[in-house]
PDB file of N, CA and C in Angstrom:
ATOM      1  N   ILE A   1     -65.796  66.486  35.199  1.00  0.00           N
ATOM      2  CA  ILE A   1     -65.411  66.516  36.591  1.00  0.00           C
ATOM      3  C   ILE A   1     -66.096  67.717  37.224  1.00  0.00           C
ATOM      4  N   SER A   2     -66.659  67.510  38.351  1.00  0.00           N
ATOM      5  CA  SER A   2     -67.326  68.584  39.071  1.00  0.00           C
ATOM      6  C   SER A   2     -66.594  68.843  40.379  1.00  0.00           C
ATOM      7  N   PHE A   3     -66.781  70.001  40.884  1.00  0.00           N
ATOM      8  CA  PHE A   3     -66.180  70.358  42.158  1.00  0.00           C
ATOM      9  C   PHE A   3     -67.298  70.631  43.151  1.00  0.00           C
ATOM     10  N   TYR A   4     -67.175  70.080  44.340  1.00  0.00           N
ATOM     11  CA  TYR A   4     -68.210  70.203  45.351  1.00  0.00           C
ATOM     12  C   TYR A   4     -67.606  70.744  46.638  1.00  0.00           C
ATOM     13  N   ALA A   5     -68.446  71.339  47.445  1.00  0.00           N
ATOM     14  CA  ALA A   5     -68.015  71.876  48.729  1.00  0.00           C
ATOM     15  C   ALA A   5     -68.984  71.416  49.806  1.00  0.00           C
ATOM     16  N   TYR A   6     -68.446  71.190  50.982  1.00  0.00           N
ATOM     17  CA  TYR A   6     -69.264  70.835  52.138  1.00  0.00           C
ATOM     18  C   TYR A   6     -68.711  71.595  53.333  1.00  0.00           C
ATOM     19  N   ALA A   7     -69.584  72.223  54.088  1.00  0.00           N
ATOM     20  CA  ALA A   7     -69.150  72.988  55.255  1.00  0.00           C
ATOM     21  C   ALA A   7     -69.786  72.408  56.505  1.00  0.00           C
ATOM     22  N   ASP A   8     -68.962  72.055  57.461  1.00  0.00           N
ATOM     23  CA  ASP A   8     -69.434  71.568  58.754  1.00  0.00           C
ATOM     24  C   ASP A   8     -68.939  72.560  59.796  1.00  0.00           C
ATOM     25  N   ILE A   9     -69.796  73.494  60.154  1.00  0.00           N
ATOM     26  CA  ILE A   9     -69.401  74.595  61.026  1.00  0.00           C
ATOM     27  C   ILE A   9     -70.194  74.509  62.325  1.00  0.00           C
ATOM     28  N   ALA A  10     -69.494  74.597  63.434  1.00  0.00           N
ATOM     29  CA  ALA A  10     -70.147  74.583  64.741  1.00  0.00           C
ATOM     30  C   ALA A  10     -69.759  75.848  65.502  1.00  0.00           C
ATOM     31  N   PHE A  11     -70.706  76.381  66.249  1.00  0.00           N
ATOM     32  CA  PHE A  11     -70.468  77.587  67.036  1.00  0.00           C
ATOM     33  C   PHE A  11     -70.590  77.251  68.516  1.00  0.00           C
ATOM     34  N   GLU A  12     -69.649  77.751  69.311  1.00  0.00           N
ATOM     35  CA  GLU A  12     -69.729  77.559  70.750  1.00  0.00           C
ATOM     36  C   GLU A  12     -70.777  78.485  71.352  1.00  0.00           C
ATOM     37  N   SER A  13     -70.906  79.666  70.797  1.00  0.00           N
ATOM     38  CA  SER A  13     -71.914  80.611  71.270  1.00  0.00           C
ATOM     39  C   SER A  13     -72.190  81.614  70.161  1.00  0.00           C
ATOM     40  N   SER A  14     -73.269  82.355  70.315  1.00  0.00           N
ATOM     41  CA  SER A  14     -73.573  83.387  69.328  1.00  0.00           C
ATOM     42  C   SER A  14     -73.969  84.659  70.061  1.00  0.00           C
ATOM     43  N   SER A  15     -73.341  85.745  69.695  1.00  0.00           N
ATOM     44  CA  SER A  15     -73.625  87.019  70.353  1.00  0.00           C
ATOM     45  C   SER A  15     -74.785  87.752  69.681  1.00  0.00           C
ATOM     46  N   ASP A  16     -75.217  87.265  68.525  1.00  0.00           N
ATOM     47  CA  ASP A  16     -76.290  87.946  67.784  1.00  0.00           C
ATOM     48  C   ASP A  16     -77.567  87.109  67.742  1.00  0.00           C
ATOM     49  N   ARG A  17     -77.777  86.255  68.739  1.00  0.00           N
ATOM     50  CA  ARG A  17     -78.945  85.385  68.857  1.00  0.00           C
ATOM     51  C   ARG A  17     -79.088  84.429  67.672  1.00  0.00           C
ATOM     52  N   GLY A  18     -77.979  84.009  67.080  1.00  0.00           N
ATOM     53  CA  GLY A  18     -78.007  83.016  66.006  1.00  0.00           C
ATOM     54  C   GLY A  18     -78.182  83.570  64.609  1.00  0.00           C
ATOM     55  N   LYS A  19     -78.351  84.882  64.453  1.00  0.00           N
ATOM     56  CA  LYS A  19     -78.571  85.456  63.125  1.00  0.00           C
ATOM     57  C   LYS A  19     -77.381  85.188  62.197  1.00  0.00           C
ATOM     58  N   GLY A  20     -76.181  85.295  62.722  1.00  0.00           N
ATOM     59  CA  GLY A  20     -74.993  85.067  61.901  1.00  0.00           C
ATOM     60  C   GLY A  20     -74.904  83.652  61.366  1.00  0.00           C
ATOM     61  N   ILE A  21     -75.448  82.701  62.112  1.00  0.00           N
ATOM     62  CA  ILE A  21     -75.425  81.309  61.672  1.00  0.00           C
ATOM     63  C   ILE A  21     -76.270  81.142  60.416  1.00  0.00           C
ATOM     64  N   THR A  22     -77.460  81.717  60.398  1.00  0.00           N
ATOM     65  CA  THR A  22     -78.312  81.595  59.205  1.00  0.00           C
ATOM     66  C   THR A  22     -77.757  82.423  58.058  1.00  0.00           C
ATOM     67  N   ASP A  23     -77.164  83.570  58.357  1.00  0.00           N
ATOM     68  CA  ASP A  23     -76.555  84.386  57.303  1.00  0.00           C
ATOM     69  C   ASP A  23     -75.362  83.679  56.675  1.00  0.00           C
ATOM     70  N   LEU A  24     -74.647  82.900  57.459  1.00  0.00           N
ATOM     71  CA  LEU A  24     -73.471  82.190  56.954  1.00  0.00           C
ATOM     72  C   LEU A  24     -73.857  81.180  55.882  1.00  0.00           C
ATOM     73  N   LYS A  25     -74.939  80.436  56.102  1.00  0.00           N
ATOM     74  CA  LYS A  25     -75.365  79.448  55.109  1.00  0.00           C
ATOM     75  C   LYS A  25     -75.719  80.128  53.787  1.00  0.00           C
ATOM     76  N   VAL A  26     -76.422  81.241  53.841  1.00  0.00           N
ATOM     77  CA  VAL A  26     -76.779  81.987  52.631  1.00  0.00           C
ATOM     78  C   VAL A  26     -75.518  82.496  51.935  1.00  0.00           C
ATOM     79  N   ALA A  27     -74.559  82.992  52.715  1.00  0.00           N
ATOM     80  CA  ALA A  27     -73.310  83.491  52.134  1.00  0.00           C
ATOM     81  C   ALA A  27     -72.526  82.369  51.459  1.00  0.00           C
ATOM     82  N   LEU A  28     -72.458  81.204  52.094  1.00  0.00           N
ATOM     83  CA  LEU A  28     -71.755  80.069  51.488  1.00  0.00           C
ATOM     84  C   LEU A  28     -72.451  79.603  50.213  1.00  0.00           C
ATOM     85  N   GLN A  29     -73.783  79.619  50.200  1.00  0.00           N
ATOM     86  CA  GLN A  29     -74.512  79.238  48.991  1.00  0.00           C
ATOM     87  C   GLN A  29     -74.256  80.237  47.870  1.00  0.00           C
ATOM     88  N   ALA A  30     -74.103  81.507  48.207  1.00  0.00           N
ATOM     89  CA  ALA A  30     -73.801  82.512  47.190  1.00  0.00           C
ATOM     90  C   ALA A  30     -72.413  82.288  46.596  1.00  0.00           C
ATOM     91  N   ILE A  31     -71.481  81.821  47.416  1.00  0.00           N
ATOM     92  CA  ILE A  31     -70.113  81.575  46.942  1.00  0.00           C
ATOM     93  C   ILE A  31     -70.036  80.283  46.135  1.00  0.00           C
ATOM     94  N   PHE A  32     -70.580  79.208  46.666  1.00  0.00           N
ATOM     95  CA  PHE A  32     -70.416  77.894  46.059  1.00  0.00           C
ATOM     96  C   PHE A  32     -71.572  77.461  45.170  1.00  0.00           C
ATOM     97  N   ALA A  33     -72.682  78.184  45.200  1.00  0.00           N
ATOM     98  CA  ALA A  33     -73.876  77.881  44.398  1.00  0.00           C
ATOM     99  C   ALA A  33     -74.304  76.435  44.615  1.00  0.00           C
ATOM    100  N   GLU A  34     -74.619  75.734  43.514  1.00  0.00           N
ATOM    101  CA  GLU A  34     -75.122  74.368  43.647  1.00  0.00           C
ATOM    102  C   GLU A  34     -74.027  73.354  43.971  1.00  0.00           C
ATOM    103  N   THR A  35     -72.770  73.793  44.039  1.00  0.00           N
ATOM    104  CA  THR A  35     -71.710  72.851  44.401  1.00  0.00           C
ATOM    105  C   THR A  35     -71.632  72.631  45.908  1.00  0.00           C
ATOM    106  N   LEU A  36     -72.347  73.443  46.688  1.00  0.00           N
ATOM    107  CA  LEU A  36     -72.389  73.251  48.137  1.00  0.00           C
ATOM    108  C   LEU A  36     -73.423  72.180  48.444  1.00  0.00           C
ATOM    109  N   VAL A  37     -72.962  71.023  48.884  1.00  0.00           N
ATOM    110  CA  VAL A  37     -73.875  69.913  49.164  1.00  0.00           C
ATOM    111  C   VAL A  37     -74.286  69.949  50.632  1.00  0.00           C
ATOM    112  N   ASP A  38     -75.431  69.324  50.927  1.00  0.00           N
ATOM    113  CA  ASP A  38     -76.014  69.415  52.263  1.00  0.00           C
ATOM    114  C   ASP A  38     -75.422  68.455  53.287  1.00  0.00           C
ATOM    115  N   SER A  39     -74.913  67.327  52.840  1.00  0.00           N
ATOM    116  CA  SER A  39     -74.436  66.345  53.819  1.00  0.00           C
ATOM    117  C   SER A  39     -73.020  65.879  53.500  1.00  0.00           C
ATOM    118  N   LYS A  40     -72.333  65.464  54.539  1.00  0.00           N
ATOM    119  CA  LYS A  40     -70.974  64.954  54.385  1.00  0.00           C
ATOM    120  C   LYS A  40     -70.970  63.688  53.536  1.00  0.00           C
ATOM    121  N   ASP A  41     -71.979  62.828  53.725  1.00  0.00           N
ATOM    122  CA  ASP A  41     -72.062  61.591  52.942  1.00  0.00           C
ATOM    123  C   ASP A  41     -72.217  61.878  51.453  1.00  0.00           C
ATOM    124  N   GLU A  42     -73.058  62.856  51.121  1.00  0.00           N
ATOM    125  CA  GLU A  42     -73.241  63.228  49.712  1.00  0.00           C
ATOM    126  C   GLU A  42     -71.938  63.768  49.130  1.00  0.00           C
ATOM    127  N   PHE A  43     -71.229  64.599  49.898  1.00  0.00           N
ATOM    128  CA  PHE A  43     -69.952  65.143  49.449  1.00  0.00           C
ATOM    129  C   PHE A  43     -68.942  64.026  49.189  1.00  0.00           C
ATOM    130  N   LEU A  44     -68.824  63.100  50.130  1.00  0.00           N
ATOM    131  CA  LEU A  44     -67.859  62.007  49.977  1.00  0.00           C
ATOM    132  C   LEU A  44     -68.204  61.108  48.794  1.00  0.00           C
ATOM    133  N   GLN A  45     -69.480  60.844  48.580  1.00  0.00           N
ATOM    134  CA  GLN A  45     -69.904  60.014  47.449  1.00  0.00           C
ATOM    135  C   GLN A  45     -69.521  60.676  46.128  1.00  0.00           C
ATOM    136  N   LYS A  46     -69.820  61.967  45.990  1.00  0.00           N
ATOM    137  CA  LYS A  46     -69.490  62.688  44.756  1.00  0.00           C
ATOM    138  C   LYS A  46     -67.975  62.754  44.558  1.00  0.00           C
ATOM    139  N   TYR A  47     -67.241  62.960  45.651  1.00  0.00           N
ATOM    140  CA  TYR A  47     -65.787  63.011  45.575  1.00  0.00           C
ATOM    141  C   TYR A  47     -65.216  61.682  45.087  1.00  0.00           C
ATOM    142  N   LEU A  48     -65.698  60.588  45.636  1.00  0.00           N
ATOM    143  CA  LEU A  48     -65.186  59.271  45.250  1.00  0.00           C
ATOM    144  C   LEU A  48     -65.467  58.960  43.785  1.00  0.00           C
ATOM    145  N   VAL A  49     -66.645  59.324  43.295  1.00  0.00           N
ATOM    146  CA  VAL A  49     -66.982  59.090  41.882  1.00  0.00           C
ATOM    147  C   VAL A  49     -66.037  59.876  40.980  1.00  0.00           C
ATOM    148  N   ASP A  50     -65.844  61.164  41.272  1.00  0.00           N
ATOM    149  CA  ASP A  50     -64.956  61.987  40.452  1.00  0.00           C
ATOM    150  C   ASP A  50     -63.506  61.539  40.578  1.00  0.00           C
ATOM    151  N   ASN A  51     -63.094  61.144  41.767  1.00  0.00           N
ATOM    152  CA  ASN A  51     -61.735  60.671  41.993  1.00  0.00           C
ATOM    153  C   ASN A  51     -61.463  59.403  41.183  1.00  0.00           C
ATOM    154  N   ASP A  52     -62.418  58.487  41.164  1.00  0.00           N
ATOM    155  CA  ASP A  52     -62.270  57.258  40.380  1.00  0.00           C
ATOM    156  C   ASP A  52     -62.188  57.564  38.889  1.00  0.00           C
ATOM    157  N   PHE A  53     -62.985  58.530  38.420  1.00  0.00           N
ATOM    158  CA  PHE A  53     -62.956  58.917  37.009  1.00  0.00           C
ATOM    159  C   PHE A  53     -61.567  59.424  36.617  1.00  0.00           C
ATOM    160  N   VAL A  54     -61.010  60.302  37.430  1.00  0.00           N
ATOM    161  CA  VAL A  54     -59.684  60.858  37.138  1.00  0.00           C
ATOM    162  C   VAL A  54     -58.632  59.762  37.192  1.00  0.00           C
ATOM    163  N   ARG A  55     -58.660  58.930  38.220  1.00  0.00           N
ATOM    164  CA  ARG A  55     -57.673  57.860  38.368  1.00  0.00           C
ATOM    165  C   ARG A  55     -57.714  56.909  37.168  1.00  0.00           C
ATOM    166  N   THR A  56     -58.905  56.535  36.724  1.00  0.00           N
ATOM    167  CA  THR A  56     -59.056  55.614  35.596  1.00  0.00           C
ATOM    168  C   THR A  56     -58.476  56.211  34.323  1.00  0.00           C
ATOM    169  N   ASN A  57     -58.776  57.477  34.057  1.00  0.00           N
ATOM    170  CA  ASN A  57     -58.294  58.102  32.832  1.00  0.00           C
ATOM    171  C   ASN A  57     -56.799  58.363  32.855  1.00  0.00           C
ATOM    172  N   ILE A  58     -56.253  58.665  34.012  1.00  0.00           N
ATOM    173  CA  ILE A  58     -54.809  58.879  34.097  1.00  0.00           C
ATOM    174  C   ILE A  58     -54.071  57.554  33.951  1.00  0.00           C
ATOM    175  N   SER A  59     -54.541  56.519  34.622  1.00  0.00           N
ATOM    176  CA  SER A  59     -53.837  55.238  34.578  1.00  0.00           C
ATOM    177  C   SER A  59     -53.949  54.565  33.219  1.00  0.00           C
ATOM    178  N   SER A  60     -55.050  54.797  32.491  1.00  0.00           N
ATOM    179  CA  SER A  60     -55.190  54.184  31.171  1.00  0.00           C
ATOM    180  C   SER A  60     -54.504  55.007  30.089  1.00  0.00           C
ATOM    181  N   GLY A  61     -54.088  56.224  30.434  1.00  0.00           N
ATOM    182  CA  GLY A  61     -53.367  57.059  29.480  1.00  0.00           C
ATOM    183  C   GLY A  61     -54.231  57.601  28.357  1.00  0.00           C
ATOM    184  N   GLU A  62     -55.550  57.636  28.548  1.00  0.00           N
ATOM    185  CA  GLU A  62     -56.432  58.143  27.506  1.00  0.00           C
ATOM    186  C   GLU A  62     -56.289  59.652  27.374  1.00  0.00           C
ATOM    187  N   VAL A  63     -56.337  60.112  26.134  1.00  0.00           N
ATOM    188  CA  VAL A  63     -56.330  61.543  25.868  1.00  0.00           C
ATOM    189  C   VAL A  63     -57.775  62.005  25.869  1.00  0.00           C
ATOM    190  N   LEU A  64     -58.070  62.989  26.685  1.00  0.00           N
ATOM    191  CA  LEU A  64     -59.426  63.513  26.749  1.00  0.00           C
ATOM    192  C   LEU A  64     -59.567  64.632  25.728  1.00  0.00           C
ATOM    193  N   LYS A  65     -60.500  64.477  24.830  1.00  0.00           N
ATOM    194  CA  LYS A  65     -60.755  65.525  23.848  1.00  0.00           C
ATOM    195  C   LYS A  65     -61.620  66.576  24.509  1.00  0.00           C
ATOM    196  N   GLN A  66     -61.367  67.813  24.165  1.00  0.00           N
ATOM    197  CA  GLN A  66     -62.187  68.860  24.753  1.00  0.00           C
ATOM    198  C   GLN A  66     -62.554  69.906  23.722  1.00  0.00           C
ATOM    199  N   LYS A  67     -63.735  70.427  23.885  1.00  0.00           N
ATOM    200  CA  LYS A  67     -64.193  71.567  23.109  1.00  0.00           C
ATOM    201  C   LYS A  67     -64.634  72.593  24.129  1.00  0.00           C
ATOM    202  N   ALA A  68     -64.034  73.740  24.114  1.00  0.00           N
ATOM    203  CA  ALA A  68     -64.394  74.764  25.088  1.00  0.00           C
ATOM    204  C   ALA A  68     -65.005  75.954  24.364  1.00  0.00           C
ATOM    205  N   PHE A  69     -66.100  76.420  24.870  1.00  0.00           N
ATOM    206  CA  PHE A  69     -66.780  77.585  24.331  1.00  0.00           C
ATOM    207  C   PHE A  69     -66.928  78.584  25.467  1.00  0.00           C
ATOM    208  N   LYS A  70     -66.694  79.836  25.189  1.00  0.00           N
ATOM    209  CA  LYS A  70     -66.889  80.836  26.233  1.00  0.00           C
ATOM    210  C   LYS A  70     -67.541  82.066  25.634  1.00  0.00           C
ATOM    211  N   HIS A  71     -68.141  82.854  26.488  1.00  0.00           N
ATOM    212  CA  HIS A  71     -68.775  84.085  26.033  1.00  0.00           C
ATOM    213  C   HIS A  71     -67.716  85.022  25.457  1.00  0.00           C
ATOM    214  N   ALA A  72     -68.068  85.694  24.380  1.00  0.00           N
ATOM    215  CA  ALA A  72     -67.132  86.615  23.749  1.00  0.00           C
ATOM    216  C   ALA A  72     -67.210  88.005  24.364  1.00  0.00           C
ATOM    217  N   ASP A  73     -68.214  88.270  25.174  1.00  0.00           N
ATOM    218  CA  ASP A  73     -68.407  89.582  25.768  1.00  0.00           C
ATOM    219  C   ASP A  73     -67.441  89.762  26.932  1.00  0.00           C
ATOM    220  N   SER A  74     -66.443  90.621  26.755  1.00  0.00           N
ATOM    221  CA  SER A  74     -65.438  90.808  27.799  1.00  0.00           C
ATOM    222  C   SER A  74     -65.974  91.611  28.981  1.00  0.00           C
ATOM    223  N   ASP A  75     -67.127  92.274  28.812  1.00  0.00           N
ATOM    224  CA  ASP A  75     -67.709  93.039  29.908  1.00  0.00           C
ATOM    225  C   ASP A  75     -68.617  92.189  30.791  1.00  0.00           C
ATOM    226  N   ALA A  76     -68.878  90.967  30.386  1.00  0.00           N
ATOM    227  CA  ALA A  76     -69.775  90.103  31.157  1.00  0.00           C
ATOM    228  C   ALA A  76     -69.126  89.732  32.488  1.00  0.00           C
ATOM    229  N   SER A  77     -69.932  89.690  33.537  1.00  0.00           N
ATOM    230  CA  SER A  77     -69.390  89.335  34.847  1.00  0.00           C
ATOM    231  C   SER A  77     -69.269  87.825  35.015  1.00  0.00           C
ATOM    232  N   ASN A  78     -70.007  87.071  34.215  1.00  0.00           N
ATOM    233  CA  ASN A  78     -69.948  85.614  34.271  1.00  0.00           C
ATOM    234  C   ASN A  78     -69.339  85.083  32.986  1.00  0.00           C
ATOM    235  N   VAL A  79     -68.520  84.083  33.099  1.00  0.00           N
ATOM    236  CA  VAL A  79     -67.938  83.429  31.934  1.00  0.00           C
ATOM    237  C   VAL A  79     -68.337  81.967  32.000  1.00  0.00           C
ATOM    238  N   GLU A  80     -68.931  81.487  30.937  1.00  0.00           N
ATOM    239  CA  GLU A  80     -69.363  80.097  30.889  1.00  0.00           C
ATOM    240  C   GLU A  80     -68.371  79.308  30.045  1.00  0.00           C
ATOM    241  N   VAL A  81     -67.864  78.239  30.584  1.00  0.00           N
ATOM    242  CA  VAL A  81     -66.963  77.361  29.854  1.00  0.00           C
ATOM    243  C   VAL A  81     -67.588  75.974  29.854  1.00  0.00           C
ATOM    244  N   VAL A  82     -67.774  75.414  28.670  1.00  0.00           N
ATOM    245  CA  VAL A  82     -68.364  74.092  28.530  1.00  0.00           C
ATOM    246  C   VAL A  82     -67.301  73.173  27.961  1.00  0.00           C
ATOM    247  N   ILE A  83     -67.038  72.074  28.631  1.00  0.00           N
ATOM    248  CA  ILE A  83     -66.062  71.102  28.151  1.00  0.00           C
ATOM    249  C   ILE A  83     -66.793  69.800  27.890  1.00  0.00           C
ATOM    250  N   CYS A  84     -66.744  69.336  26.652  1.00  0.00           N
ATOM    251  CA  CYS A  84     -67.384  68.075  26.279  1.00  0.00           C
ATOM    252  C   CYS A  84     -66.319  66.997  26.213  1.00  0.00           C
ATOM    253  N   ILE A  85     -66.536  65.931  26.925  1.00  0.00           N
ATOM    254  CA  ILE A  85     -65.563  64.831  26.933  1.00  0.00           C
ATOM    255  C   ILE A  85     -66.193  63.636  26.264  1.00  0.00           C
TER     256      ILE A  85
END
């Protein structure tokens, strides 16, 4: 299951000649990384696929096996978790 984000932001005016608008997109990409999709249609498509996956597995009562691995370095700023289904 993946998580995606889509931002549809409109400005009535800009006091900084639009600079904040371009900075906002970069800031959102830094927060959401590759989970920030470019279009509403792409977001909805990905959401529906993941939603159907969850609904199917919950309704069928299947137990999902998982193996999780994470970095052992407690000083690392990033933690990677891999779940194999």
